[in-house]
Amino acid sequence: MKRPGLIVAAIIIAGAGLTSYRLFARNNAMLAGETHNHHANAAAALDGPLSNATVSFGAWRTTPPYDRMTQPPAASANAHDVIPQIAKIKAGGTVNFIISGLHQVAIYDDGTQPGDISLANQIPSAPPLPPLIDDPNRRIYRGLDPRPLFPNGLDRVEVVQFDNPGTYLVICTVVPHFTAGMYGFVKVVP
């Protein structure tokens, strides 16, 4: 009776050892640059200097001094800029939009220009918050509505992946921000 239990235990230990060896071999192969599955190939393709970019979407000013702990959010305390104006990544890469302030990211398909954006459709807001642009034509991504986050939860990060080469328009949908020039581009290379 004791022998079948020992045999089962030996099989389990041998199986665990084989699984550990396979994981060890796979990890060493990946470190050596070999890939054996789709996920490993995708991860390798997304490595390197153009696999990721960071875009500042708004920024809190320091002139004049601004104390967010004691002062309420103010439009004048935020720079309504997209920095850099053109971010460059390779296909399959990502852009980290670091959003600072009352802004909403919207991304439009390859070739869309700022003049193509219609201001006819807007999502109204109660004062003091401005309306948002709601132009779905060629829009491929729209981020979180910032209005429910007002006044304290405005800062956040949204990470967006771009699978196809092209030049994509990125705008702030807050109407006065967009009309003042708060937009940029993501250039995706093969």
N, C-alpha and C. Protein backbone atom coordinates (compact mmCIF):
# COMPACT_ATOMS: atom_id res chain seq x y z
N MET A 1 0.80 -1.19 0.00
CA MET A 1 0.00 0.00 0.00
C MET A 1 0.85 1.27 0.00
N LYS A 2 2.00 1.24 0.63
CA LYS A 2 2.83 2.43 0.71
C LYS A 2 3.52 2.71 -0.61
N ARG A 3 3.78 1.71 -1.41
CA ARG A 3 4.49 1.91 -2.67
C ARG A 3 3.71 2.74 -3.68
N PRO A 4 2.40 2.55 -3.90
CA PRO A 4 1.71 3.42 -4.86
C PRO A 4 1.79 4.88 -4.47
N GLY A 5 1.75 5.17 -3.19
CA GLY A 5 1.88 6.55 -2.74
C GLY A 5 3.25 7.12 -3.06
N LEU A 6 4.28 6.31 -2.88
CA LEU A 6 5.63 6.75 -3.19
C LEU A 6 5.79 6.97 -4.69
N ILE A 7 5.18 6.12 -5.48
CA ILE A 7 5.26 6.27 -6.94
C ILE A 7 4.57 7.56 -7.38
N VAL A 8 3.40 7.83 -6.83
CA VAL A 8 2.68 9.06 -7.16
C VAL A 8 3.51 10.28 -6.75
N ALA A 9 4.09 10.24 -5.56
CA ALA A 9 4.92 11.35 -5.09
C ALA A 9 6.13 11.54 -6.02
N ALA A 10 6.74 10.45 -6.45
CA ALA A 10 7.89 10.54 -7.35
C ALA A 10 7.48 11.15 -8.69
N ILE A 11 6.31 10.78 -9.21
CA ILE A 11 5.83 11.33 -10.47
C ILE A 11 5.57 12.83 -10.33
N ILE A 12 4.97 13.24 -9.22
CA ILE A 12 4.69 14.66 -8.99
C ILE A 12 5.99 15.45 -8.91
N ILE A 13 6.96 14.92 -8.15
CA ILE A 13 8.24 15.62 -8.02
C ILE A 13 8.95 15.69 -9.36
N ALA A 14 8.93 14.61 -10.13
CA ALA A 14 9.58 14.62 -11.45
C ALA A 14 8.89 15.61 -12.38
N GLY A 15 7.55 15.66 -12.33
CA GLY A 15 6.80 16.62 -13.16
C GLY A 15 7.13 18.05 -12.78
N ALA A 16 7.21 18.32 -11.49
CA ALA A 16 7.55 19.67 -11.04
C ALA A 16 8.97 20.03 -11.48
N GLY A 17 9.87 19.07 -11.39
CA GLY A 17 11.24 19.32 -11.84
C GLY A 17 11.30 19.60 -13.33
N LEU A 18 10.53 18.85 -14.13
CA LEU A 18 10.51 19.06 -15.58
C LEU A 18 9.92 20.43 -15.91
N THR A 19 8.85 20.81 -15.21
CA THR A 19 8.25 22.13 -15.42
C THR A 19 9.24 23.22 -15.06
N SER A 20 9.93 23.08 -13.95
CA SER A 20 10.94 24.07 -13.56
C SER A 20 12.05 24.15 -14.60
N TYR A 21 12.48 22.99 -15.10
CA TYR A 21 13.54 22.99 -16.12
C TYR A 21 13.05 23.71 -17.38
N ARG A 22 11.81 23.44 -17.81
CA ARG A 22 11.27 24.09 -19.01
C ARG A 22 11.21 25.61 -18.82
N LEU A 23 10.76 26.08 -17.65
CA LEU A 23 10.72 27.51 -17.39
C LEU A 23 12.12 28.10 -17.40
N PHE A 24 13.07 27.38 -16.79
CA PHE A 24 14.46 27.85 -16.77
C PHE A 24 15.01 27.93 -18.19
N ALA A 25 14.77 26.90 -19.00
CA ALA A 25 15.28 26.89 -20.38
C ALA A 25 14.63 27.99 -21.21
N ARG A 26 13.31 28.19 -21.05
CA ARG A 26 12.63 29.24 -21.80
C ARG A 26 13.15 30.62 -21.42
N ASN A 27 13.32 30.88 -20.13
CA ASN A 27 13.83 32.17 -19.70
C ASN A 27 15.24 32.41 -20.22
N ASN A 28 16.09 31.38 -20.19
CA ASN A 28 17.45 31.54 -20.72
C ASN A 28 17.42 31.78 -22.22
N ALA A 29 16.52 31.10 -22.94
CA ALA A 29 16.41 31.31 -24.39
C ALA A 29 15.95 32.73 -24.69
N MET A 30 15.01 33.24 -23.89
CA MET A 30 14.54 34.61 -24.10
C MET A 30 15.66 35.61 -23.83
N LEU A 31 16.45 35.36 -22.79
CA LEU A 31 17.57 36.24 -22.50
C LEU A 31 18.60 36.21 -23.62
N ALA A 32 18.71 35.07 -24.28
CA ALA A 32 19.66 34.93 -25.39
C ALA A 32 19.08 35.46 -26.69
N GLY A 33 17.84 35.95 -26.66
CA GLY A 33 17.24 36.53 -27.86
C GLY A 33 16.36 35.56 -28.64
N GLU A 34 16.20 34.35 -28.17
CA GLU A 34 15.34 33.39 -28.86
C GLU A 34 13.91 33.54 -28.34
N THR A 35 12.94 33.40 -29.23
CA THR A 35 11.55 33.46 -28.80
C THR A 35 10.82 32.25 -29.36
N HIS A 36 9.85 31.76 -28.59
CA HIS A 36 9.17 30.54 -28.98
C HIS A 36 7.66 30.65 -29.03
N ASN A 37 7.11 31.82 -28.72
CA ASN A 37 5.66 31.93 -28.80
C ASN A 37 5.28 33.34 -29.21
N HIS A 38 4.01 33.53 -29.51
CA HIS A 38 3.50 34.81 -30.00
C HIS A 38 3.74 35.93 -28.99
N HIS A 39 3.47 35.67 -27.70
CA HIS A 39 3.63 36.72 -26.71
C HIS A 39 5.08 37.16 -26.58
N ALA A 40 5.99 36.21 -26.61
CA ALA A 40 7.41 36.56 -26.53
C ALA A 40 7.81 37.35 -27.77
N ASN A 41 7.31 36.98 -28.96
CA ASN A 41 7.63 37.73 -30.17
C ASN A 41 7.08 39.14 -30.09
N ALA A 42 5.86 39.29 -29.58
CA ALA A 42 5.27 40.62 -29.46
C ALA A 42 6.07 41.47 -28.48
N ALA A 43 6.48 40.89 -27.38
CA ALA A 43 7.25 41.64 -26.40
C ALA A 43 8.59 42.08 -26.99
N ALA A 44 9.22 41.21 -27.74
CA ALA A 44 10.50 41.56 -28.35
C ALA A 44 10.32 42.68 -29.37
N ALA A 45 9.21 42.67 -30.12
CA ALA A 45 8.97 43.69 -31.13
C ALA A 45 8.71 45.05 -30.49
N LEU A 46 8.26 45.06 -29.25
CA LEU A 46 7.93 46.32 -28.58
C LEU A 46 9.08 46.84 -27.73
N ASP A 47 10.25 46.28 -27.90
CA ASP A 47 11.40 46.72 -27.13
C ASP A 47 12.20 47.74 -27.92
N GLY A 48 12.91 48.58 -27.25
CA GLY A 48 13.77 49.53 -27.92
C GLY A 48 13.33 50.97 -27.75
N PRO A 49 14.10 51.89 -28.34
CA PRO A 49 13.87 53.31 -28.08
C PRO A 49 12.54 53.86 -28.61
N LEU A 50 11.94 53.27 -29.63
CA LEU A 50 10.66 53.80 -30.15
C LEU A 50 9.47 52.94 -29.73
N SER A 51 9.66 52.10 -28.72
CA SER A 51 8.55 51.26 -28.26
C SER A 51 7.57 52.03 -27.39
N ASN A 52 8.01 53.19 -26.86
CA ASN A 52 7.17 53.92 -25.92
C ASN A 52 7.56 55.40 -25.95
N ALA A 53 6.57 56.26 -25.77
CA ALA A 53 6.83 57.70 -25.69
C ALA A 53 5.97 58.27 -24.56
N THR A 54 6.39 59.40 -24.03
CA THR A 54 5.64 60.10 -23.00
C THR A 54 5.24 61.47 -23.52
N VAL A 55 3.96 61.80 -23.34
CA VAL A 55 3.44 63.09 -23.77
C VAL A 55 2.80 63.76 -22.56
N SER A 56 3.25 64.97 -22.26
CA SER A 56 2.62 65.76 -21.20
C SER A 56 1.40 66.44 -21.80
N PHE A 57 0.26 66.23 -21.17
CA PHE A 57 -1.01 66.77 -21.65
C PHE A 57 -1.50 67.76 -20.60
N GLY A 58 -1.00 69.00 -20.72
CA GLY A 58 -1.23 70.00 -19.69
C GLY A 58 -0.09 69.94 -18.68
N ALA A 59 0.09 71.04 -17.93
CA ALA A 59 1.14 71.10 -16.91
C ALA A 59 0.80 72.20 -15.92
N TRP A 60 1.08 71.93 -14.65
CA TRP A 60 0.84 72.95 -13.62
C TRP A 60 1.98 73.96 -13.65
N ARG A 61 1.63 75.22 -13.66
CA ARG A 61 2.61 76.31 -13.73
C ARG A 61 3.24 76.59 -12.35
N THR A 62 4.43 77.14 -12.40
CA THR A 62 5.10 77.55 -11.16
C THR A 62 5.29 79.07 -11.11
N THR A 63 4.87 79.76 -12.18
CA THR A 63 4.95 81.23 -12.21
C THR A 63 3.59 81.77 -12.58
N PRO A 64 2.88 82.45 -11.73
CA PRO A 64 3.25 82.72 -10.35
C PRO A 64 3.16 81.45 -9.52
N PRO A 65 3.72 81.44 -8.33
CA PRO A 65 3.68 80.25 -7.48
C PRO A 65 2.24 79.75 -7.30
N TYR A 66 2.10 78.44 -7.30
CA TYR A 66 0.77 77.83 -7.18
C TYR A 66 0.85 76.70 -6.17
N ASP A 67 0.01 76.75 -5.14
CA ASP A 67 -0.03 75.73 -4.09
C ASP A 67 -1.33 74.95 -4.23
N ARG A 68 -1.25 73.80 -4.85
CA ARG A 68 -2.46 73.00 -5.09
C ARG A 68 -3.09 72.50 -3.80
N MET A 69 -2.34 72.45 -2.74
CA MET A 69 -2.87 71.98 -1.47
C MET A 69 -3.82 73.00 -0.86
N THR A 70 -3.58 74.28 -1.12
CA THR A 70 -4.40 75.32 -0.49
C THR A 70 -5.23 76.12 -1.48
N GLN A 71 -4.91 76.05 -2.79
CA GLN A 71 -5.64 76.84 -3.77
C GLN A 71 -6.52 75.94 -4.63
N PRO A 72 -7.71 76.40 -4.97
CA PRO A 72 -8.58 75.61 -5.85
C PRO A 72 -8.02 75.57 -7.27
N PRO A 73 -8.41 74.55 -8.06
CA PRO A 73 -7.94 74.49 -9.44
C PRO A 73 -8.36 75.74 -10.20
N ALA A 74 -7.44 76.25 -10.99
CA ALA A 74 -7.72 77.44 -11.78
C ALA A 74 -7.15 77.23 -13.17
N ALA A 75 -7.92 77.60 -14.19
CA ALA A 75 -7.46 77.44 -15.57
C ALA A 75 -6.15 78.17 -15.79
N SER A 76 -5.97 79.31 -15.15
CA SER A 76 -4.74 80.07 -15.34
C SER A 76 -3.52 79.39 -14.72
N ALA A 77 -3.74 78.43 -13.83
CA ALA A 77 -2.64 77.73 -13.18
C ALA A 77 -2.14 76.56 -14.02
N ASN A 78 -2.83 76.27 -15.12
CA ASN A 78 -2.47 75.12 -15.95
C ASN A 78 -2.07 75.58 -17.34
N ALA A 79 -0.95 75.05 -17.81
CA ALA A 79 -0.52 75.31 -19.19
C ALA A 79 -1.24 74.32 -20.09
N HIS A 80 -2.00 74.81 -21.03
CA HIS A 80 -2.80 73.96 -21.91
C HIS A 80 -1.96 73.62 -23.14
N ASP A 81 -0.96 72.77 -22.93
CA ASP A 81 -0.02 72.40 -23.98
C ASP A 81 0.05 70.89 -24.13
N VAL A 82 0.47 70.45 -25.32
CA VAL A 82 0.80 69.05 -25.59
C VAL A 82 2.30 69.04 -25.87
N ILE A 83 3.06 68.35 -25.01
CA ILE A 83 4.52 68.36 -25.11
C ILE A 83 5.05 66.93 -25.07
N PRO A 84 5.77 66.49 -26.10
CA PRO A 84 6.17 67.21 -27.29
C PRO A 84 4.99 67.33 -28.26
N GLN A 85 5.12 68.24 -29.19
CA GLN A 85 4.06 68.47 -30.19
C GLN A 85 3.91 67.25 -31.09
N ILE A 86 5.01 66.56 -31.38
CA ILE A 86 4.98 65.34 -32.18
C ILE A 86 5.75 64.26 -31.44
N ALA A 87 5.05 63.18 -31.06
CA ALA A 87 5.69 62.03 -30.43
C ALA A 87 5.89 60.97 -31.51
N LYS A 88 6.99 60.24 -31.43
CA LYS A 88 7.29 59.23 -32.45
C LYS A 88 7.50 57.88 -31.78
N ILE A 89 6.79 56.88 -32.30
CA ILE A 89 6.93 55.51 -31.82
C ILE A 89 6.89 54.57 -33.02
N LYS A 90 7.18 53.29 -32.77
CA LYS A 90 7.03 52.32 -33.84
C LYS A 90 5.70 51.58 -33.67
N ALA A 91 5.22 51.01 -34.76
CA ALA A 91 3.93 50.30 -34.75
C ALA A 91 3.92 49.25 -33.64
N GLY A 92 2.83 49.23 -32.89
CA GLY A 92 2.69 48.33 -31.76
C GLY A 92 3.12 48.95 -30.46
N GLY A 93 3.73 50.13 -30.53
CA GLY A 93 4.20 50.81 -29.34
C GLY A 93 3.10 51.58 -28.63
N THR A 94 3.46 52.20 -27.53
CA THR A 94 2.48 52.91 -26.70
C THR A 94 2.92 54.33 -26.42
N VAL A 95 1.93 55.16 -26.12
CA VAL A 95 2.18 56.52 -25.67
C VAL A 95 1.54 56.68 -24.30
N ASN A 96 2.32 57.19 -23.34
CA ASN A 96 1.82 57.49 -22.00
C ASN A 96 1.40 58.95 -22.00
N PHE A 97 0.11 59.19 -21.95
CA PHE A 97 -0.38 60.56 -21.85
C PHE A 97 -0.48 60.90 -20.37
N ILE A 98 0.40 61.77 -19.91
CA ILE A 98 0.38 62.22 -18.52
C ILE A 98 -0.50 63.47 -18.50
N ILE A 99 -1.70 63.30 -17.99
CA ILE A 99 -2.72 64.35 -18.04
C ILE A 99 -2.69 65.13 -16.74
N SER A 100 -2.53 66.44 -16.88
CA SER A 100 -2.42 67.32 -15.73
C SER A 100 -3.46 68.43 -15.87
N GLY A 101 -4.52 68.33 -15.12
CA GLY A 101 -5.56 69.35 -15.19
C GLY A 101 -6.81 68.84 -15.87
N LEU A 102 -7.73 69.76 -16.14
CA LEU A 102 -9.03 69.44 -16.74
C LEU A 102 -8.86 69.27 -18.25
N HIS A 103 -8.46 68.07 -18.66
CA HIS A 103 -8.23 67.77 -20.08
C HIS A 103 -8.79 66.39 -20.39
N GLN A 104 -9.21 66.22 -21.65
CA GLN A 104 -9.64 64.91 -22.13
C GLN A 104 -8.91 64.64 -23.44
N VAL A 105 -8.25 63.49 -23.50
CA VAL A 105 -7.52 63.07 -24.70
C VAL A 105 -8.50 62.45 -25.69
N ALA A 106 -8.41 62.87 -26.95
CA ALA A 106 -9.11 62.20 -28.03
C ALA A 106 -8.11 62.04 -29.17
N ILE A 107 -8.13 60.86 -29.80
CA ILE A 107 -7.18 60.55 -30.87
C ILE A 107 -7.97 60.24 -32.13
N TYR A 108 -7.50 60.83 -33.22
CA TYR A 108 -8.16 60.68 -34.53
C TYR A 108 -7.24 59.95 -35.49
N ASP A 109 -7.85 59.19 -36.39
CA ASP A 109 -7.14 58.30 -37.30
C ASP A 109 -6.12 59.01 -38.18
N ASP A 110 -5.26 58.21 -38.76
CA ASP A 110 -4.18 58.67 -39.62
C ASP A 110 -4.66 59.70 -40.64
N GLY A 111 -3.96 60.81 -40.71
CA GLY A 111 -4.26 61.84 -41.70
C GLY A 111 -5.24 62.91 -41.26
N THR A 112 -5.87 62.75 -40.13
CA THR A 112 -6.82 63.76 -39.65
C THR A 112 -6.05 65.00 -39.22
N GLN A 113 -6.57 66.17 -39.57
CA GLN A 113 -5.95 67.45 -39.24
C GLN A 113 -6.85 68.23 -38.28
N PRO A 114 -6.31 69.18 -37.54
CA PRO A 114 -7.14 69.97 -36.61
C PRO A 114 -8.35 70.61 -37.29
N GLY A 115 -8.20 71.06 -38.53
CA GLY A 115 -9.32 71.67 -39.25
C GLY A 115 -10.44 70.70 -39.57
N ASP A 116 -10.18 69.39 -39.47
CA ASP A 116 -11.20 68.37 -39.73
C ASP A 116 -12.13 68.16 -38.54
N ILE A 117 -11.76 68.66 -37.38
CA ILE A 117 -12.55 68.45 -36.16
C ILE A 117 -13.73 69.41 -36.14
N SER A 118 -14.92 68.83 -35.97
CA SER A 118 -16.14 69.63 -35.93
C SER A 118 -16.45 70.05 -34.49
N LEU A 119 -16.76 71.31 -34.33
CA LEU A 119 -17.19 71.82 -33.02
C LEU A 119 -18.70 71.82 -32.89
N ALA A 120 -19.40 71.29 -33.91
CA ALA A 120 -20.86 71.31 -33.91
C ALA A 120 -21.45 70.44 -32.80
N ASN A 121 -20.85 69.28 -32.56
CA ASN A 121 -21.34 68.39 -31.50
C ASN A 121 -20.52 68.62 -30.25
N GLN A 122 -21.19 69.08 -29.19
CA GLN A 122 -20.52 69.32 -27.92
C GLN A 122 -21.31 68.69 -26.79
N ILE A 123 -20.59 68.26 -25.78
CA ILE A 123 -21.22 67.76 -24.56
C ILE A 123 -21.23 68.93 -23.59
N PRO A 124 -22.42 69.45 -23.26
CA PRO A 124 -22.48 70.63 -22.40
C PRO A 124 -22.05 70.32 -20.97
N SER A 125 -21.60 71.33 -20.29
CA SER A 125 -21.20 71.23 -18.89
C SER A 125 -21.84 72.37 -18.12
N ALA A 126 -21.99 72.14 -16.84
CA ALA A 126 -22.49 73.21 -15.97
C ALA A 126 -21.32 74.11 -15.60
N PRO A 127 -21.53 75.43 -15.59
CA PRO A 127 -20.45 76.34 -15.20
C PRO A 127 -19.91 75.96 -13.83
N PRO A 128 -18.63 76.08 -13.60
CA PRO A 128 -17.63 76.79 -14.39
C PRO A 128 -16.93 75.91 -15.43
N LEU A 129 -17.40 74.67 -15.61
CA LEU A 129 -16.70 73.76 -16.52
C LEU A 129 -17.13 73.99 -17.96
N PRO A 130 -16.18 74.00 -18.90
CA PRO A 130 -16.50 74.22 -20.31
C PRO A 130 -17.02 72.94 -20.97
N PRO A 131 -17.67 73.07 -22.14
CA PRO A 131 -18.16 71.89 -22.86
C PRO A 131 -17.00 71.10 -23.48
N LEU A 132 -17.32 69.86 -23.86
CA LEU A 132 -16.35 68.97 -24.50
C LEU A 132 -16.74 68.74 -25.95
N ILE A 133 -15.74 68.61 -26.83
CA ILE A 133 -15.98 68.28 -28.24
C ILE A 133 -16.41 66.82 -28.31
N ASP A 134 -17.44 66.56 -29.10
CA ASP A 134 -17.93 65.19 -29.29
C ASP A 134 -18.03 64.90 -30.78
N ASP A 135 -16.89 64.86 -31.47
CA ASP A 135 -16.83 64.57 -32.89
C ASP A 135 -16.34 63.13 -33.08
N PRO A 136 -17.27 62.19 -33.38
CA PRO A 136 -16.87 60.79 -33.51
C PRO A 136 -16.23 60.46 -34.87
N ASN A 137 -16.29 61.39 -35.84
CA ASN A 137 -15.78 61.12 -37.17
C ASN A 137 -14.27 60.85 -37.14
N ARG A 138 -13.88 59.63 -37.44
CA ARG A 138 -12.48 59.17 -37.48
C ARG A 138 -11.82 59.11 -36.11
N ARG A 139 -12.61 59.26 -35.04
CA ARG A 139 -12.04 59.15 -33.69
C ARG A 139 -11.77 57.67 -33.40
N ILE A 140 -10.56 57.37 -32.94
CA ILE A 140 -10.21 55.98 -32.63
C ILE A 140 -10.03 55.76 -31.12
N TYR A 141 -9.95 56.85 -30.36
CA TYR A 141 -9.82 56.73 -28.91
C TYR A 141 -10.33 58.01 -28.26
N ARG A 142 -11.05 57.84 -27.15
CA ARG A 142 -11.44 58.97 -26.31
C ARG A 142 -11.23 58.55 -24.87
N GLY A 143 -10.53 59.38 -24.11
CA GLY A 143 -10.21 59.07 -22.72
C GLY A 143 -11.34 59.40 -21.76
N LEU A 144 -11.01 59.30 -20.50
CA LEU A 144 -11.99 59.54 -19.44
C LEU A 144 -12.53 60.97 -19.48
N ASP A 145 -13.80 61.08 -19.14
CA ASP A 145 -14.43 62.39 -18.98
C ASP A 145 -13.85 63.01 -17.72
N PRO A 146 -13.17 64.16 -17.83
CA PRO A 146 -12.53 64.73 -16.64
C PRO A 146 -13.48 65.44 -15.69
N ARG A 147 -14.69 65.74 -16.14
CA ARG A 147 -15.59 66.57 -15.32
C ARG A 147 -15.96 65.92 -13.99
N PRO A 148 -16.25 64.61 -13.95
CA PRO A 148 -16.55 64.01 -12.64
C PRO A 148 -15.34 64.00 -11.69
N LEU A 149 -14.14 64.16 -12.24
CA LEU A 149 -12.92 64.16 -11.43
C LEU A 149 -12.65 65.52 -10.81
N PHE A 150 -13.33 66.55 -11.32
CA PHE A 150 -13.11 67.93 -10.87
C PHE A 150 -13.63 68.09 -9.44
N PRO A 151 -12.95 68.75 -8.53
CA PRO A 151 -11.71 69.49 -8.73
C PRO A 151 -10.45 68.74 -8.33
N ASN A 152 -10.56 67.59 -7.65
CA ASN A 152 -9.36 67.02 -7.02
C ASN A 152 -8.71 65.86 -7.75
N GLY A 153 -9.39 65.20 -8.65
CA GLY A 153 -8.81 64.01 -9.27
C GLY A 153 -8.41 64.20 -10.72
N LEU A 154 -7.96 65.38 -11.07
CA LEU A 154 -7.72 65.70 -12.47
C LEU A 154 -6.47 65.04 -13.06
N ASP A 155 -5.46 64.79 -12.26
CA ASP A 155 -4.21 64.27 -12.78
C ASP A 155 -4.27 62.75 -12.88
N ARG A 156 -3.84 62.23 -14.03
CA ARG A 156 -3.89 60.79 -14.26
C ARG A 156 -3.00 60.46 -15.46
N VAL A 157 -2.86 59.18 -15.74
CA VAL A 157 -2.11 58.70 -16.90
C VAL A 157 -3.01 57.78 -17.70
N GLU A 158 -3.03 57.96 -19.01
CA GLU A 158 -3.73 57.04 -19.91
C GLU A 158 -2.70 56.56 -20.91
N VAL A 159 -2.57 55.23 -21.04
CA VAL A 159 -1.60 54.62 -21.94
C VAL A 159 -2.34 54.06 -23.13
N VAL A 160 -1.94 54.50 -24.34
CA VAL A 160 -2.65 54.13 -25.56
C VAL A 160 -1.67 53.44 -26.51
N GLN A 161 -2.11 52.31 -27.08
CA GLN A 161 -1.29 51.55 -28.02
C GLN A 161 -1.68 51.90 -29.45
N PHE A 162 -0.68 52.01 -30.31
CA PHE A 162 -0.88 52.32 -31.73
C PHE A 162 -0.33 51.16 -32.55
N ASP A 163 -1.22 50.39 -33.19
CA ASP A 163 -0.80 49.20 -33.92
C ASP A 163 -0.34 49.48 -35.34
N ASN A 164 -0.86 50.53 -35.96
CA ASN A 164 -0.62 50.75 -37.38
C ASN A 164 0.18 52.02 -37.65
N PRO A 165 1.08 51.97 -38.64
CA PRO A 165 1.83 53.17 -39.02
C PRO A 165 0.89 54.29 -39.47
N GLY A 166 1.31 55.53 -39.26
CA GLY A 166 0.53 56.69 -39.68
C GLY A 166 0.82 57.86 -38.77
N THR A 167 0.14 58.97 -39.03
CA THR A 167 0.26 60.17 -38.21
C THR A 167 -1.12 60.47 -37.65
N TYR A 168 -1.23 60.38 -36.32
CA TYR A 168 -2.51 60.47 -35.62
C TYR A 168 -2.62 61.81 -34.90
N LEU A 169 -3.77 62.45 -35.05
CA LEU A 169 -4.05 63.71 -34.37
C LEU A 169 -4.51 63.43 -32.94
N VAL A 170 -3.94 64.14 -31.98
CA VAL A 170 -4.32 64.02 -30.58
C VAL A 170 -4.79 65.40 -30.13
N ILE A 171 -6.02 65.48 -29.61
CA ILE A 171 -6.56 66.78 -29.18
C ILE A 171 -7.04 66.72 -27.74
N CYS A 172 -7.14 67.91 -27.15
CA CYS A 172 -7.88 68.05 -25.90
C CYS A 172 -9.31 68.42 -26.32
N THR A 173 -10.29 67.67 -25.85
CA THR A 173 -11.68 67.92 -26.24
C THR A 173 -12.33 69.08 -25.50
N VAL A 174 -11.65 69.64 -24.49
CA VAL A 174 -12.19 70.81 -23.80
C VAL A 174 -12.18 71.95 -24.82
N VAL A 175 -13.37 72.42 -25.19
CA VAL A 175 -13.51 73.33 -26.33
C VAL A 175 -12.53 74.51 -26.31
N PRO A 176 -12.46 75.30 -25.22
CA PRO A 176 -11.53 76.44 -25.28
C PRO A 176 -10.06 76.01 -25.37
N HIS A 177 -9.73 74.85 -24.87
CA HIS A 177 -8.34 74.38 -24.96
C HIS A 177 -8.00 74.03 -26.42
N PHE A 178 -8.89 73.28 -27.07
CA PHE A 178 -8.65 72.91 -28.47
C PHE A 178 -8.59 74.14 -29.36
N THR A 179 -9.55 75.04 -29.19
CA THR A 179 -9.57 76.22 -30.06
C THR A 179 -8.36 77.13 -29.83
N ALA A 180 -7.72 77.01 -28.66
CA ALA A 180 -6.49 77.77 -28.39
C ALA A 180 -5.25 77.02 -28.87
N GLY A 181 -5.42 75.83 -29.45
CA GLY A 181 -4.30 75.11 -30.04
C GLY A 181 -3.76 73.94 -29.24
N MET A 182 -4.57 73.36 -28.33
CA MET A 182 -4.09 72.22 -27.55
C MET A 182 -4.30 70.93 -28.34
N TYR A 183 -3.34 70.65 -29.19
CA TYR A 183 -3.34 69.41 -29.97
C TYR A 183 -1.91 69.10 -30.39
N GLY A 184 -1.70 67.88 -30.77
CA GLY A 184 -0.40 67.42 -31.25
C GLY A 184 -0.60 66.19 -32.10
N PHE A 185 0.49 65.48 -32.37
CA PHE A 185 0.42 64.31 -33.25
C PHE A 185 1.27 63.18 -32.68
N VAL A 186 0.85 61.96 -33.02
CA VAL A 186 1.68 60.78 -32.76
C VAL A 186 2.03 60.20 -34.12
N LYS A 187 3.32 60.17 -34.41
CA LYS A 187 3.79 59.60 -35.66
C LYS A 187 4.25 58.17 -35.37
N VAL A 188 3.58 57.21 -36.05
CA VAL A 188 3.88 55.80 -35.85
C VAL A 188 4.58 55.27 -37.09
N VAL A 189 5.80 54.78 -36.90
CA VAL A 189 6.61 54.28 -38.01
C VAL A 189 6.56 52.75 -38.01
N PRO A 190 6.79 52.14 -39.21
CA PRO A 190 6.78 50.66 -39.28
C PRO A 190 7.86 50.03 -38.41
